[in-house]
């Protein structure tokens, strides 16, 4: 789960994070 939309997609960081939306999954 990588529902974080604050971070841009790309290789500049470790990836979009899993946040509260994980609970819906």
PDBML (XML) file of the C-alpha atoms, coordinates in Angstrom:
<?xml version="1.0" encoding="UTF-8" ?>
<PDBx:datablock datablockName="MODEL"
   xmlns:PDBx="http://pdbml.pdb.org/schema/pdbx-v50.xsd"
   xmlns:xsi="http://www.w3.org/2001/XMLSchema-instance"
   xsi:schemaLocation="http://pdbml.pdb.org/schema/pdbx-v50.xsd pdbx-v50.xsd">
   <PDBx:atom_siteCategory>
      <PDBx:atom_site id="1">
         <PDBx:B_iso_or_equiv>0.00</PDBx:B_iso_or_equiv>
         <PDBx:Cartn_x>0.000</PDBx:Cartn_x>
         <PDBx:Cartn_y>0.000</PDBx:Cartn_y>
         <PDBx:Cartn_z>0.000</PDBx:Cartn_z>
         <PDBx:auth_asym_id>A</PDBx:auth_asym_id>
         <PDBx:auth_atom_id>CA</PDBx:auth_atom_id>
         <PDBx:auth_comp_id>UNK</PDBx:auth_comp_id>
         <PDBx:auth_seq_id>1</PDBx:auth_seq_id>
         <PDBx:group_PDB>ATOM</PDBx:group_PDB>
         <PDBx:label_alt_id xsi:nil="true" />
         <PDBx:label_asym_id>A</PDBx:label_asym_id>
         <PDBx:label_atom_id>CA</PDBx:label_atom_id>
         <PDBx:label_comp_id>UNK</PDBx:label_comp_id>
         <PDBx:label_entity_id>1</PDBx:label_entity_id>
         <PDBx:label_seq_id>1</PDBx:label_seq_id>
         <PDBx:occupancy>1.00</PDBx:occupancy>
         <PDBx:pdbx_PDB_model_num>1</PDBx:pdbx_PDB_model_num>
         <PDBx:type_symbol>C</PDBx:type_symbol>
      </PDBx:atom_site>
      <PDBx:atom_site id="2">
         <PDBx:B_iso_or_equiv>0.00</PDBx:B_iso_or_equiv>
         <PDBx:Cartn_x>1.495</PDBx:Cartn_x>
         <PDBx:Cartn_y>3.314</PDBx:Cartn_y>
         <PDBx:Cartn_z>-1.136</PDBx:Cartn_z>
         <PDBx:auth_asym_id>A</PDBx:auth_asym_id>
         <PDBx:auth_atom_id>CA</PDBx:auth_atom_id>
         <PDBx:auth_comp_id>UNK</PDBx:auth_comp_id>
         <PDBx:auth_seq_id>2</PDBx:auth_seq_id>
         <PDBx:group_PDB>ATOM</PDBx:group_PDB>
         <PDBx:label_alt_id xsi:nil="true" />
         <PDBx:label_asym_id>A</PDBx:label_asym_id>
         <PDBx:label_atom_id>CA</PDBx:label_atom_id>
         <PDBx:label_comp_id>UNK</PDBx:label_comp_id>
         <PDBx:label_entity_id>1</PDBx:label_entity_id>
         <PDBx:label_seq_id>2</PDBx:label_seq_id>
         <PDBx:occupancy>1.00</PDBx:occupancy>
         <PDBx:pdbx_PDB_model_num>1</PDBx:pdbx_PDB_model_num>
         <PDBx:type_symbol>C</PDBx:type_symbol>
      </PDBx:atom_site>
      <PDBx:atom_site id="3">
         <PDBx:B_iso_or_equiv>0.00</PDBx:B_iso_or_equiv>
         <PDBx:Cartn_x>-1.447</PDBx:Cartn_x>
         <PDBx:Cartn_y>5.703</PDBx:Cartn_y>
         <PDBx:Cartn_z>-0.931</PDBx:Cartn_z>
         <PDBx:auth_asym_id>A</PDBx:auth_asym_id>
         <PDBx:auth_atom_id>CA</PDBx:auth_atom_id>
         <PDBx:auth_comp_id>UNK</PDBx:auth_comp_id>
         <PDBx:auth_seq_id>3</PDBx:auth_seq_id>
         <PDBx:group_PDB>ATOM</PDBx:group_PDB>
         <PDBx:label_alt_id xsi:nil="true" />
         <PDBx:label_asym_id>A</PDBx:label_asym_id>
         <PDBx:label_atom_id>CA</PDBx:label_atom_id>
         <PDBx:label_comp_id>UNK</PDBx:label_comp_id>
         <PDBx:label_entity_id>1</PDBx:label_entity_id>
         <PDBx:label_seq_id>3</PDBx:label_seq_id>
         <PDBx:occupancy>1.00</PDBx:occupancy>
         <PDBx:pdbx_PDB_model_num>1</PDBx:pdbx_PDB_model_num>
         <PDBx:type_symbol>C</PDBx:type_symbol>
      </PDBx:atom_site>
      <PDBx:atom_site id="4">
         <PDBx:B_iso_or_equiv>0.00</PDBx:B_iso_or_equiv>
         <PDBx:Cartn_x>0.631</PDBx:Cartn_x>
         <PDBx:Cartn_y>8.789</PDBx:Cartn_y>
         <PDBx:Cartn_z>-0.062</PDBx:Cartn_z>
         <PDBx:auth_asym_id>A</PDBx:auth_asym_id>
         <PDBx:auth_atom_id>CA</PDBx:auth_atom_id>
         <PDBx:auth_comp_id>UNK</PDBx:auth_comp_id>
         <PDBx:auth_seq_id>4</PDBx:auth_seq_id>
         <PDBx:group_PDB>ATOM</PDBx:group_PDB>
         <PDBx:label_alt_id xsi:nil="true" />
         <PDBx:label_asym_id>A</PDBx:label_asym_id>
         <PDBx:label_atom_id>CA</PDBx:label_atom_id>
         <PDBx:label_comp_id>UNK</PDBx:label_comp_id>
         <PDBx:label_entity_id>1</PDBx:label_entity_id>
         <PDBx:label_seq_id>4</PDBx:label_seq_id>
         <PDBx:occupancy>1.00</PDBx:occupancy>
         <PDBx:pdbx_PDB_model_num>1</PDBx:pdbx_PDB_model_num>
         <PDBx:type_symbol>C</PDBx:type_symbol>
      </PDBx:atom_site>
      <PDBx:atom_site id="5">
         <PDBx:B_iso_or_equiv>0.00</PDBx:B_iso_or_equiv>
         <PDBx:Cartn_x>0.039</PDBx:Cartn_x>
         <PDBx:Cartn_y>11.427</PDBx:Cartn_y>
         <PDBx:Cartn_z>-2.759</PDBx:Cartn_z>
         <PDBx:auth_asym_id>A</PDBx:auth_asym_id>
         <PDBx:auth_atom_id>CA</PDBx:auth_atom_id>
         <PDBx:auth_comp_id>UNK</PDBx:auth_comp_id>
         <PDBx:auth_seq_id>5</PDBx:auth_seq_id>
         <PDBx:group_PDB>ATOM</PDBx:group_PDB>
         <PDBx:label_alt_id xsi:nil="true" />
         <PDBx:label_asym_id>A</PDBx:label_asym_id>
         <PDBx:label_atom_id>CA</PDBx:label_atom_id>
         <PDBx:label_comp_id>UNK</PDBx:label_comp_id>
         <PDBx:label_entity_id>1</PDBx:label_entity_id>
         <PDBx:label_seq_id>5</PDBx:label_seq_id>
         <PDBx:occupancy>1.00</PDBx:occupancy>
         <PDBx:pdbx_PDB_model_num>1</PDBx:pdbx_PDB_model_num>
         <PDBx:type_symbol>C</PDBx:type_symbol>
      </PDBx:atom_site>
      <PDBx:atom_site id="6">
         <PDBx:B_iso_or_equiv>0.00</PDBx:B_iso_or_equiv>
         <PDBx:Cartn_x>2.154</PDBx:Cartn_x>
         <PDBx:Cartn_y>14.148</PDBx:Cartn_y>
         <PDBx:Cartn_z>-1.139</PDBx:Cartn_z>
         <PDBx:auth_asym_id>A</PDBx:auth_asym_id>
         <PDBx:auth_atom_id>CA</PDBx:auth_atom_id>
         <PDBx:auth_comp_id>UNK</PDBx:auth_comp_id>
         <PDBx:auth_seq_id>6</PDBx:auth_seq_id>
         <PDBx:group_PDB>ATOM</PDBx:group_PDB>
         <PDBx:label_alt_id xsi:nil="true" />
         <PDBx:label_asym_id>A</PDBx:label_asym_id>
         <PDBx:label_atom_id>CA</PDBx:label_atom_id>
         <PDBx:label_comp_id>UNK</PDBx:label_comp_id>
         <PDBx:label_entity_id>1</PDBx:label_entity_id>
         <PDBx:label_seq_id>6</PDBx:label_seq_id>
         <PDBx:occupancy>1.00</PDBx:occupancy>
         <PDBx:pdbx_PDB_model_num>1</PDBx:pdbx_PDB_model_num>
         <PDBx:type_symbol>C</PDBx:type_symbol>
      </PDBx:atom_site>
      <PDBx:atom_site id="7">
         <PDBx:B_iso_or_equiv>0.00</PDBx:B_iso_or_equiv>
         <PDBx:Cartn_x>5.360</PDBx:Cartn_x>
         <PDBx:Cartn_y>12.657</PDBx:Cartn_y>
         <PDBx:Cartn_z>-2.533</PDBx:Cartn_z>
         <PDBx:auth_asym_id>A</PDBx:auth_asym_id>
         <PDBx:auth_atom_id>CA</PDBx:auth_atom_id>
         <PDBx:auth_comp_id>UNK</PDBx:auth_comp_id>
         <PDBx:auth_seq_id>7</PDBx:auth_seq_id>
         <PDBx:group_PDB>ATOM</PDBx:group_PDB>
         <PDBx:label_alt_id xsi:nil="true" />
         <PDBx:label_asym_id>A</PDBx:label_asym_id>
         <PDBx:label_atom_id>CA</PDBx:label_atom_id>
         <PDBx:label_comp_id>UNK</PDBx:label_comp_id>
         <PDBx:label_entity_id>1</PDBx:label_entity_id>
         <PDBx:label_seq_id>7</PDBx:label_seq_id>
         <PDBx:occupancy>1.00</PDBx:occupancy>
         <PDBx:pdbx_PDB_model_num>1</PDBx:pdbx_PDB_model_num>
         <PDBx:type_symbol>C</PDBx:type_symbol>
      </PDBx:atom_site>
      <PDBx:atom_site id="8">
         <PDBx:B_iso_or_equiv>0.00</PDBx:B_iso_or_equiv>
         <PDBx:Cartn_x>5.898</PDBx:Cartn_x>
         <PDBx:Cartn_y>12.708</PDBx:Cartn_y>
         <PDBx:Cartn_z>-6.299</PDBx:Cartn_z>
         <PDBx:auth_asym_id>A</PDBx:auth_asym_id>
         <PDBx:auth_atom_id>CA</PDBx:auth_atom_id>
         <PDBx:auth_comp_id>UNK</PDBx:auth_comp_id>
         <PDBx:auth_seq_id>8</PDBx:auth_seq_id>
         <PDBx:group_PDB>ATOM</PDBx:group_PDB>
         <PDBx:label_alt_id xsi:nil="true" />
         <PDBx:label_asym_id>A</PDBx:label_asym_id>
         <PDBx:label_atom_id>CA</PDBx:label_atom_id>
         <PDBx:label_comp_id>UNK</PDBx:label_comp_id>
         <PDBx:label_entity_id>1</PDBx:label_entity_id>
         <PDBx:label_seq_id>8</PDBx:label_seq_id>
         <PDBx:occupancy>1.00</PDBx:occupancy>
         <PDBx:pdbx_PDB_model_num>1</PDBx:pdbx_PDB_model_num>
         <PDBx:type_symbol>C</PDBx:type_symbol>
      </PDBx:atom_site>
      <PDBx:atom_site id="9">
         <PDBx:B_iso_or_equiv>0.00</PDBx:B_iso_or_equiv>
         <PDBx:Cartn_x>6.340</PDBx:Cartn_x>
         <PDBx:Cartn_y>9.422</PDBx:Cartn_y>
         <PDBx:Cartn_z>-8.094</PDBx:Cartn_z>
         <PDBx:auth_asym_id>A</PDBx:auth_asym_id>
         <PDBx:auth_atom_id>CA</PDBx:auth_atom_id>
         <PDBx:auth_comp_id>UNK</PDBx:auth_comp_id>
         <PDBx:auth_seq_id>9</PDBx:auth_seq_id>
         <PDBx:group_PDB>ATOM</PDBx:group_PDB>
         <PDBx:label_alt_id xsi:nil="true" />
         <PDBx:label_asym_id>A</PDBx:label_asym_id>
         <PDBx:label_atom_id>CA</PDBx:label_atom_id>
         <PDBx:label_comp_id>UNK</PDBx:label_comp_id>
         <PDBx:label_entity_id>1</PDBx:label_entity_id>
         <PDBx:label_seq_id>9</PDBx:label_seq_id>
         <PDBx:occupancy>1.00</PDBx:occupancy>
         <PDBx:pdbx_PDB_model_num>1</PDBx:pdbx_PDB_model_num>
         <PDBx:type_symbol>C</PDBx:type_symbol>
      </PDBx:atom_site>
      <PDBx:atom_site id="10">
         <PDBx:B_iso_or_equiv>0.00</PDBx:B_iso_or_equiv>
         <PDBx:Cartn_x>9.940</PDBx:Cartn_x>
         <PDBx:Cartn_y>8.662</PDBx:Cartn_y>
         <PDBx:Cartn_z>-9.091</PDBx:Cartn_z>
         <PDBx:auth_asym_id>A</PDBx:auth_asym_id>
         <PDBx:auth_atom_id>CA</PDBx:auth_atom_id>
         <PDBx:auth_comp_id>UNK</PDBx:auth_comp_id>
         <PDBx:auth_seq_id>10</PDBx:auth_seq_id>
         <PDBx:group_PDB>ATOM</PDBx:group_PDB>
         <PDBx:label_alt_id xsi:nil="true" />
         <PDBx:label_asym_id>A</PDBx:label_asym_id>
         <PDBx:label_atom_id>CA</PDBx:label_atom_id>
         <PDBx:label_comp_id>UNK</PDBx:label_comp_id>
         <PDBx:label_entity_id>1</PDBx:label_entity_id>
         <PDBx:label_seq_id>10</PDBx:label_seq_id>
         <PDBx:occupancy>1.00</PDBx:occupancy>
         <PDBx:pdbx_PDB_model_num>1</PDBx:pdbx_PDB_model_num>
         <PDBx:type_symbol>C</PDBx:type_symbol>
      </PDBx:atom_site>
      <PDBx:atom_site id="11">
         <PDBx:B_iso_or_equiv>0.00</PDBx:B_iso_or_equiv>
         <PDBx:Cartn_x>13.312</PDBx:Cartn_x>
         <PDBx:Cartn_y>7.382</PDBx:Cartn_y>
         <PDBx:Cartn_z>-7.885</PDBx:Cartn_z>
         <PDBx:auth_asym_id>A</PDBx:auth_asym_id>
         <PDBx:auth_atom_id>CA</PDBx:auth_atom_id>
         <PDBx:auth_comp_id>UNK</PDBx:auth_comp_id>
         <PDBx:auth_seq_id>11</PDBx:auth_seq_id>
         <PDBx:group_PDB>ATOM</PDBx:group_PDB>
         <PDBx:label_alt_id xsi:nil="true" />
         <PDBx:label_asym_id>A</PDBx:label_asym_id>
         <PDBx:label_atom_id>CA</PDBx:label_atom_id>
         <PDBx:label_comp_id>UNK</PDBx:label_comp_id>
         <PDBx:label_entity_id>1</PDBx:label_entity_id>
         <PDBx:label_seq_id>11</PDBx:label_seq_id>
         <PDBx:occupancy>1.00</PDBx:occupancy>
         <PDBx:pdbx_PDB_model_num>1</PDBx:pdbx_PDB_model_num>
         <PDBx:type_symbol>C</PDBx:type_symbol>
      </PDBx:atom_site>
      <PDBx:atom_site id="12">
         <PDBx:B_iso_or_equiv>0.00</PDBx:B_iso_or_equiv>
         <PDBx:Cartn_x>14.272</PDBx:Cartn_x>
         <PDBx:Cartn_y>10.444</PDBx:Cartn_y>
         <PDBx:Cartn_z>-5.853</PDBx:Cartn_z>
         <PDBx:auth_asym_id>A</PDBx:auth_asym_id>
         <PDBx:auth_atom_id>CA</PDBx:auth_atom_id>
         <PDBx:auth_comp_id>UNK</PDBx:auth_comp_id>
         <PDBx:auth_seq_id>12</PDBx:auth_seq_id>
         <PDBx:group_PDB>ATOM</PDBx:group_PDB>
         <PDBx:label_alt_id xsi:nil="true" />
         <PDBx:label_asym_id>A</PDBx:label_asym_id>
         <PDBx:label_atom_id>CA</PDBx:label_atom_id>
         <PDBx:label_comp_id>UNK</PDBx:label_comp_id>
         <PDBx:label_entity_id>1</PDBx:label_entity_id>
         <PDBx:label_seq_id>12</PDBx:label_seq_id>
         <PDBx:occupancy>1.00</PDBx:occupancy>
         <PDBx:pdbx_PDB_model_num>1</PDBx:pdbx_PDB_model_num>
         <PDBx:type_symbol>C</PDBx:type_symbol>
      </PDBx:atom_site>
      <PDBx:atom_site id="13">
         <PDBx:B_iso_or_equiv>0.00</PDBx:B_iso_or_equiv>
         <PDBx:Cartn_x>13.049</PDBx:Cartn_x>
         <PDBx:Cartn_y>8.845</PDBx:Cartn_y>
         <PDBx:Cartn_z>-2.628</PDBx:Cartn_z>
         <PDBx:auth_asym_id>A</PDBx:auth_asym_id>
         <PDBx:auth_atom_id>CA</PDBx:auth_atom_id>
         <PDBx:auth_comp_id>UNK</PDBx:auth_comp_id>
         <PDBx:auth_seq_id>13</PDBx:auth_seq_id>
         <PDBx:group_PDB>ATOM</PDBx:group_PDB>
         <PDBx:label_alt_id xsi:nil="true" />
         <PDBx:label_asym_id>A</PDBx:label_asym_id>
         <PDBx:label_atom_id>CA</PDBx:label_atom_id>
         <PDBx:label_comp_id>UNK</PDBx:label_comp_id>
         <PDBx:label_entity_id>1</PDBx:label_entity_id>
         <PDBx:label_seq_id>13</PDBx:label_seq_id>
         <PDBx:occupancy>1.00</PDBx:occupancy>
         <PDBx:pdbx_PDB_model_num>1</PDBx:pdbx_PDB_model_num>
         <PDBx:type_symbol>C</PDBx:type_symbol>
      </PDBx:atom_site>
      <PDBx:atom_site id="14">
         <PDBx:B_iso_or_equiv>0.00</PDBx:B_iso_or_equiv>
         <PDBx:Cartn_x>12.237</PDBx:Cartn_x>
         <PDBx:Cartn_y>5.429</PDBx:Cartn_y>
         <PDBx:Cartn_z>-1.173</PDBx:Cartn_z>
         <PDBx:auth_asym_id>A</PDBx:auth_asym_id>
         <PDBx:auth_atom_id>CA</PDBx:auth_atom_id>
         <PDBx:auth_comp_id>UNK</PDBx:auth_comp_id>
         <PDBx:auth_seq_id>14</PDBx:auth_seq_id>
         <PDBx:group_PDB>ATOM</PDBx:group_PDB>
         <PDBx:label_alt_id xsi:nil="true" />
         <PDBx:label_asym_id>A</PDBx:label_asym_id>
         <PDBx:label_atom_id>CA</PDBx:label_atom_id>
         <PDBx:label_comp_id>UNK</PDBx:label_comp_id>
         <PDBx:label_entity_id>1</PDBx:label_entity_id>
         <PDBx:label_seq_id>14</PDBx:label_seq_id>
         <PDBx:occupancy>1.00</PDBx:occupancy>
         <PDBx:pdbx_PDB_model_num>1</PDBx:pdbx_PDB_model_num>
         <PDBx:type_symbol>C</PDBx:type_symbol>
      </PDBx:atom_site>
      <PDBx:atom_site id="15">
         <PDBx:B_iso_or_equiv>0.00</PDBx:B_iso_or_equiv>
         <PDBx:Cartn_x>8.727</PDBx:Cartn_x>
         <PDBx:Cartn_y>5.439</PDBx:Cartn_y>
         <PDBx:Cartn_z>-2.600</PDBx:Cartn_z>
         <PDBx:auth_asym_id>A</PDBx:auth_asym_id>
         <PDBx:auth_atom_id>CA</PDBx:auth_atom_id>
         <PDBx:auth_comp_id>UNK</PDBx:auth_comp_id>
         <PDBx:auth_seq_id>15</PDBx:auth_seq_id>
         <PDBx:group_PDB>ATOM</PDBx:group_PDB>
         <PDBx:label_alt_id xsi:nil="true" />
         <PDBx:label_asym_id>A</PDBx:label_asym_id>
         <PDBx:label_atom_id>CA</PDBx:label_atom_id>
         <PDBx:label_comp_id>UNK</PDBx:label_comp_id>
         <PDBx:label_entity_id>1</PDBx:label_entity_id>
         <PDBx:label_seq_id>15</PDBx:label_seq_id>
         <PDBx:occupancy>1.00</PDBx:occupancy>
         <PDBx:pdbx_PDB_model_num>1</PDBx:pdbx_PDB_model_num>
         <PDBx:type_symbol>C</PDBx:type_symbol>
      </PDBx:atom_site>
      <PDBx:atom_site id="16">
         <PDBx:B_iso_or_equiv>0.00</PDBx:B_iso_or_equiv>
         <PDBx:Cartn_x>5.289</PDBx:Cartn_x>
         <PDBx:Cartn_y>6.723</PDBx:Cartn_y>
         <PDBx:Cartn_z>-1.718</PDBx:Cartn_z>
         <PDBx:auth_asym_id>A</PDBx:auth_asym_id>
         <PDBx:auth_atom_id>CA</PDBx:auth_atom_id>
         <PDBx:auth_comp_id>UNK</PDBx:auth_comp_id>
         <PDBx:auth_seq_id>16</PDBx:auth_seq_id>
         <PDBx:group_PDB>ATOM</PDBx:group_PDB>
         <PDBx:label_alt_id xsi:nil="true" />
         <PDBx:label_asym_id>A</PDBx:label_asym_id>
         <PDBx:label_atom_id>CA</PDBx:label_atom_id>
         <PDBx:label_comp_id>UNK</PDBx:label_comp_id>
         <PDBx:label_entity_id>1</PDBx:label_entity_id>
         <PDBx:label_seq_id>16</PDBx:label_seq_id>
         <PDBx:occupancy>1.00</PDBx:occupancy>
         <PDBx:pdbx_PDB_model_num>1</PDBx:pdbx_PDB_model_num>
         <PDBx:type_symbol>C</PDBx:type_symbol>
      </PDBx:atom_site>
      <PDBx:atom_site id="17">
         <PDBx:B_iso_or_equiv>0.00</PDBx:B_iso_or_equiv>
         <PDBx:Cartn_x>4.365</PDBx:Cartn_x>
         <PDBx:Cartn_y>5.720</PDBx:Cartn_y>
         <PDBx:Cartn_z>1.810</PDBx:Cartn_z>
         <PDBx:auth_asym_id>A</PDBx:auth_asym_id>
         <PDBx:auth_atom_id>CA</PDBx:auth_atom_id>
         <PDBx:auth_comp_id>UNK</PDBx:auth_comp_id>
         <PDBx:auth_seq_id>17</PDBx:auth_seq_id>
         <PDBx:group_PDB>ATOM</PDBx:group_PDB>
         <PDBx:label_alt_id xsi:nil="true" />
         <PDBx:label_asym_id>A</PDBx:label_asym_id>
         <PDBx:label_atom_id>CA</PDBx:label_atom_id>
         <PDBx:label_comp_id>UNK</PDBx:label_comp_id>
         <PDBx:label_entity_id>1</PDBx:label_entity_id>
         <PDBx:label_seq_id>17</PDBx:label_seq_id>
         <PDBx:occupancy>1.00</PDBx:occupancy>
         <PDBx:pdbx_PDB_model_num>1</PDBx:pdbx_PDB_model_num>
         <PDBx:type_symbol>C</PDBx:type_symbol>
      </PDBx:atom_site>
      <PDBx:atom_site id="18">
         <PDBx:B_iso_or_equiv>0.00</PDBx:B_iso_or_equiv>
         <PDBx:Cartn_x>1.505</PDBx:Cartn_x>
         <PDBx:Cartn_y>3.656</PDBx:Cartn_y>
         <PDBx:Cartn_z>3.163</PDBx:Cartn_z>
         <PDBx:auth_asym_id>A</PDBx:auth_asym_id>
         <PDBx:auth_atom_id>CA</PDBx:auth_atom_id>
         <PDBx:auth_comp_id>UNK</PDBx:auth_comp_id>
         <PDBx:auth_seq_id>18</PDBx:auth_seq_id>
         <PDBx:group_PDB>ATOM</PDBx:group_PDB>
         <PDBx:label_alt_id xsi:nil="true" />
         <PDBx:label_asym_id>A</PDBx:label_asym_id>
         <PDBx:label_atom_id>CA</PDBx:label_atom_id>
         <PDBx:label_comp_id>UNK</PDBx:label_comp_id>
         <PDBx:label_entity_id>1</PDBx:label_entity_id>
         <PDBx:label_seq_id>18</PDBx:label_seq_id>
         <PDBx:occupancy>1.00</PDBx:occupancy>
         <PDBx:pdbx_PDB_model_num>1</PDBx:pdbx_PDB_model_num>
         <PDBx:type_symbol>C</PDBx:type_symbol>
      </PDBx:atom_site>
      <PDBx:atom_site id="19">
         <PDBx:B_iso_or_equiv>0.00</PDBx:B_iso_or_equiv>
         <PDBx:Cartn_x>-0.868</PDBx:Cartn_x>
         <PDBx:Cartn_y>5.857</PDBx:Cartn_y>
         <PDBx:Cartn_z>5.171</PDBx:Cartn_z>
         <PDBx:auth_asym_id>A</PDBx:auth_asym_id>
         <PDBx:auth_atom_id>CA</PDBx:auth_atom_id>
         <PDBx:auth_comp_id>UNK</PDBx:auth_comp_id>
         <PDBx:auth_seq_id>19</PDBx:auth_seq_id>
         <PDBx:group_PDB>ATOM</PDBx:group_PDB>
         <PDBx:label_alt_id xsi:nil="true" />
         <PDBx:label_asym_id>A</PDBx:label_asym_id>
         <PDBx:label_atom_id>CA</PDBx:label_atom_id>
         <PDBx:label_comp_id>UNK</PDBx:label_comp_id>
         <PDBx:label_entity_id>1</PDBx:label_entity_id>
         <PDBx:label_seq_id>19</PDBx:label_seq_id>
         <PDBx:occupancy>1.00</PDBx:occupancy>
         <PDBx:pdbx_PDB_model_num>1</PDBx:pdbx_PDB_model_num>
         <PDBx:type_symbol>C</PDBx:type_symbol>
      </PDBx:atom_site>
      <PDBx:atom_site id="20">
         <PDBx:B_iso_or_equiv>0.00</PDBx:B_iso_or_equiv>
         <PDBx:Cartn_x>-4.397</PDBx:Cartn_x>
         <PDBx:Cartn_y>5.725</PDBx:Cartn_y>
         <PDBx:Cartn_z>6.602</PDBx:Cartn_z>
         <PDBx:auth_asym_id>A</PDBx:auth_asym_id>
         <PDBx:auth_atom_id>CA</PDBx:auth_atom_id>
         <PDBx:auth_comp_id>UNK</PDBx:auth_comp_id>
         <PDBx:auth_seq_id>20</PDBx:auth_seq_id>
         <PDBx:group_PDB>ATOM</PDBx:group_PDB>
         <PDBx:label_alt_id xsi:nil="true" />
         <PDBx:label_asym_id>A</PDBx:label_asym_id>
         <PDBx:label_atom_id>CA</PDBx:label_atom_id>
         <PDBx:label_comp_id>UNK</PDBx:label_comp_id>
         <PDBx:label_entity_id>1</PDBx:label_entity_id>
         <PDBx:label_seq_id>20</PDBx:label_seq_id>
         <PDBx:occupancy>1.00</PDBx:occupancy>
         <PDBx:pdbx_PDB_model_num>1</PDBx:pdbx_PDB_model_num>
         <PDBx:type_symbol>C</PDBx:type_symbol>
      </PDBx:atom_site>
      <PDBx:atom_site id="21">
         <PDBx:B_iso_or_equiv>0.00</PDBx:B_iso_or_equiv>
         <PDBx:Cartn_x>-5.891</PDBx:Cartn_x>
         <PDBx:Cartn_y>4.376</PDBx:Cartn_y>
         <PDBx:Cartn_z>3.400</PDBx:Cartn_z>
         <PDBx:auth_asym_id>A</PDBx:auth_asym_id>
         <PDBx:auth_atom_id>CA</PDBx:auth_atom_id>
         <PDBx:auth_comp_id>UNK</PDBx:auth_comp_id>
         <PDBx:auth_seq_id>21</PDBx:auth_seq_id>
         <PDBx:group_PDB>ATOM</PDBx:group_PDB>
         <PDBx:label_alt_id xsi:nil="true" />
         <PDBx:label_asym_id>A</PDBx:label_asym_id>
         <PDBx:label_atom_id>CA</PDBx:label_atom_id>
         <PDBx:label_comp_id>UNK</PDBx:label_comp_id>
         <PDBx:label_entity_id>1</PDBx:label_entity_id>
         <PDBx:label_seq_id>21</PDBx:label_seq_id>
         <PDBx:occupancy>1.00</PDBx:occupancy>
         <PDBx:pdbx_PDB_model_num>1</PDBx:pdbx_PDB_model_num>
         <PDBx:type_symbol>C</PDBx:type_symbol>
      </PDBx:atom_site>
      <PDBx:atom_site id="22">
         <PDBx:B_iso_or_equiv>0.00</PDBx:B_iso_or_equiv>
         <PDBx:Cartn_x>-4.290</PDBx:Cartn_x>
         <PDBx:Cartn_y>1.059</PDBx:Cartn_y>
         <PDBx:Cartn_z>4.338</PDBx:Cartn_z>
         <PDBx:auth_asym_id>A</PDBx:auth_asym_id>
         <PDBx:auth_atom_id>CA</PDBx:auth_atom_id>
         <PDBx:auth_comp_id>UNK</PDBx:auth_comp_id>
         <PDBx:auth_seq_id>22</PDBx:auth_seq_id>
         <PDBx:group_PDB>ATOM</PDBx:group_PDB>
         <PDBx:label_alt_id xsi:nil="true" />
         <PDBx:label_asym_id>A</PDBx:label_asym_id>
         <PDBx:label_atom_id>CA</PDBx:label_atom_id>
         <PDBx:label_comp_id>UNK</PDBx:label_comp_id>
         <PDBx:label_entity_id>1</PDBx:label_entity_id>
         <PDBx:label_seq_id>22</PDBx:label_seq_id>
         <PDBx:occupancy>1.00</PDBx:occupancy>
         <PDBx:pdbx_PDB_model_num>1</PDBx:pdbx_PDB_model_num>
         <PDBx:type_symbol>C</PDBx:type_symbol>
      </PDBx:atom_site>
      <PDBx:atom_site id="23">
         <PDBx:B_iso_or_equiv>0.00</PDBx:B_iso_or_equiv>
         <PDBx:Cartn_x>-7.232</PDBx:Cartn_x>
         <PDBx:Cartn_y>0.520</PDBx:Cartn_y>
         <PDBx:Cartn_z>6.691</PDBx:Cartn_z>
         <PDBx:auth_asym_id>A</PDBx:auth_asym_id>
         <PDBx:auth_atom_id>CA</PDBx:auth_atom_id>
         <PDBx:auth_comp_id>UNK</PDBx:auth_comp_id>
         <PDBx:auth_seq_id>23</PDBx:auth_seq_id>
         <PDBx:group_PDB>ATOM</PDBx:group_PDB>
         <PDBx:label_alt_id xsi:nil="true" />
         <PDBx:label_asym_id>A</PDBx:label_asym_id>
         <PDBx:label_atom_id>CA</PDBx:label_atom_id>
         <PDBx:label_comp_id>UNK</PDBx:label_comp_id>
         <PDBx:label_entity_id>1</PDBx:label_entity_id>
         <PDBx:label_seq_id>23</PDBx:label_seq_id>
         <PDBx:occupancy>1.00</PDBx:occupancy>
         <PDBx:pdbx_PDB_model_num>1</PDBx:pdbx_PDB_model_num>
         <PDBx:type_symbol>C</PDBx:type_symbol>
      </PDBx:atom_site>
      <PDBx:atom_site id="24">
         <PDBx:B_iso_or_equiv>0.00</PDBx:B_iso_or_equiv>
         <PDBx:Cartn_x>-9.662</PDBx:Cartn_x>
         <PDBx:Cartn_y>0.415</PDBx:Cartn_y>
         <PDBx:Cartn_z>3.741</PDBx:Cartn_z>
         <PDBx:auth_asym_id>A</PDBx:auth_asym_id>
         <PDBx:auth_atom_id>CA</PDBx:auth_atom_id>
         <PDBx:auth_comp_id>UNK</PDBx:auth_comp_id>
         <PDBx:auth_seq_id>24</PDBx:auth_seq_id>
         <PDBx:group_PDB>ATOM</PDBx:group_PDB>
         <PDBx:label_alt_id xsi:nil="true" />
         <PDBx:label_asym_id>A</PDBx:label_asym_id>
         <PDBx:label_atom_id>CA</PDBx:label_atom_id>
         <PDBx:label_comp_id>UNK</PDBx:label_comp_id>
         <PDBx:label_entity_id>1</PDBx:label_entity_id>
         <PDBx:label_seq_id>24</PDBx:label_seq_id>
         <PDBx:occupancy>1.00</PDBx:occupancy>
         <PDBx:pdbx_PDB_model_num>1</PDBx:pdbx_PDB_model_num>
         <PDBx:type_symbol>C</PDBx:type_symbol>
      </PDBx:atom_site>
      <PDBx:atom_site id="25">
         <PDBx:B_iso_or_equiv>0.00</PDBx:B_iso_or_equiv>
         <PDBx:Cartn_x>-7.492</PDBx:Cartn_x>
         <PDBx:Cartn_y>-2.222</PDBx:Cartn_y>
         <PDBx:Cartn_z>2.049</PDBx:Cartn_z>
         <PDBx:auth_asym_id>A</PDBx:auth_asym_id>
         <PDBx:auth_atom_id>CA</PDBx:auth_atom_id>
         <PDBx:auth_comp_id>UNK</PDBx:auth_comp_id>
         <PDBx:auth_seq_id>25</PDBx:auth_seq_id>
         <PDBx:group_PDB>ATOM</PDBx:group_PDB>
         <PDBx:label_alt_id xsi:nil="true" />
         <PDBx:label_asym_id>A</PDBx:label_asym_id>
         <PDBx:label_atom_id>CA</PDBx:label_atom_id>
         <PDBx:label_comp_id>UNK</PDBx:label_comp_id>
         <PDBx:label_entity_id>1</PDBx:label_entity_id>
         <PDBx:label_seq_id>25</PDBx:label_seq_id>
         <PDBx:occupancy>1.00</PDBx:occupancy>
         <PDBx:pdbx_PDB_model_num>1</PDBx:pdbx_PDB_model_num>
         <PDBx:type_symbol>C</PDBx:type_symbol>
      </PDBx:atom_site>
   </PDBx:atom_siteCategory>
</PDBx:datablock>
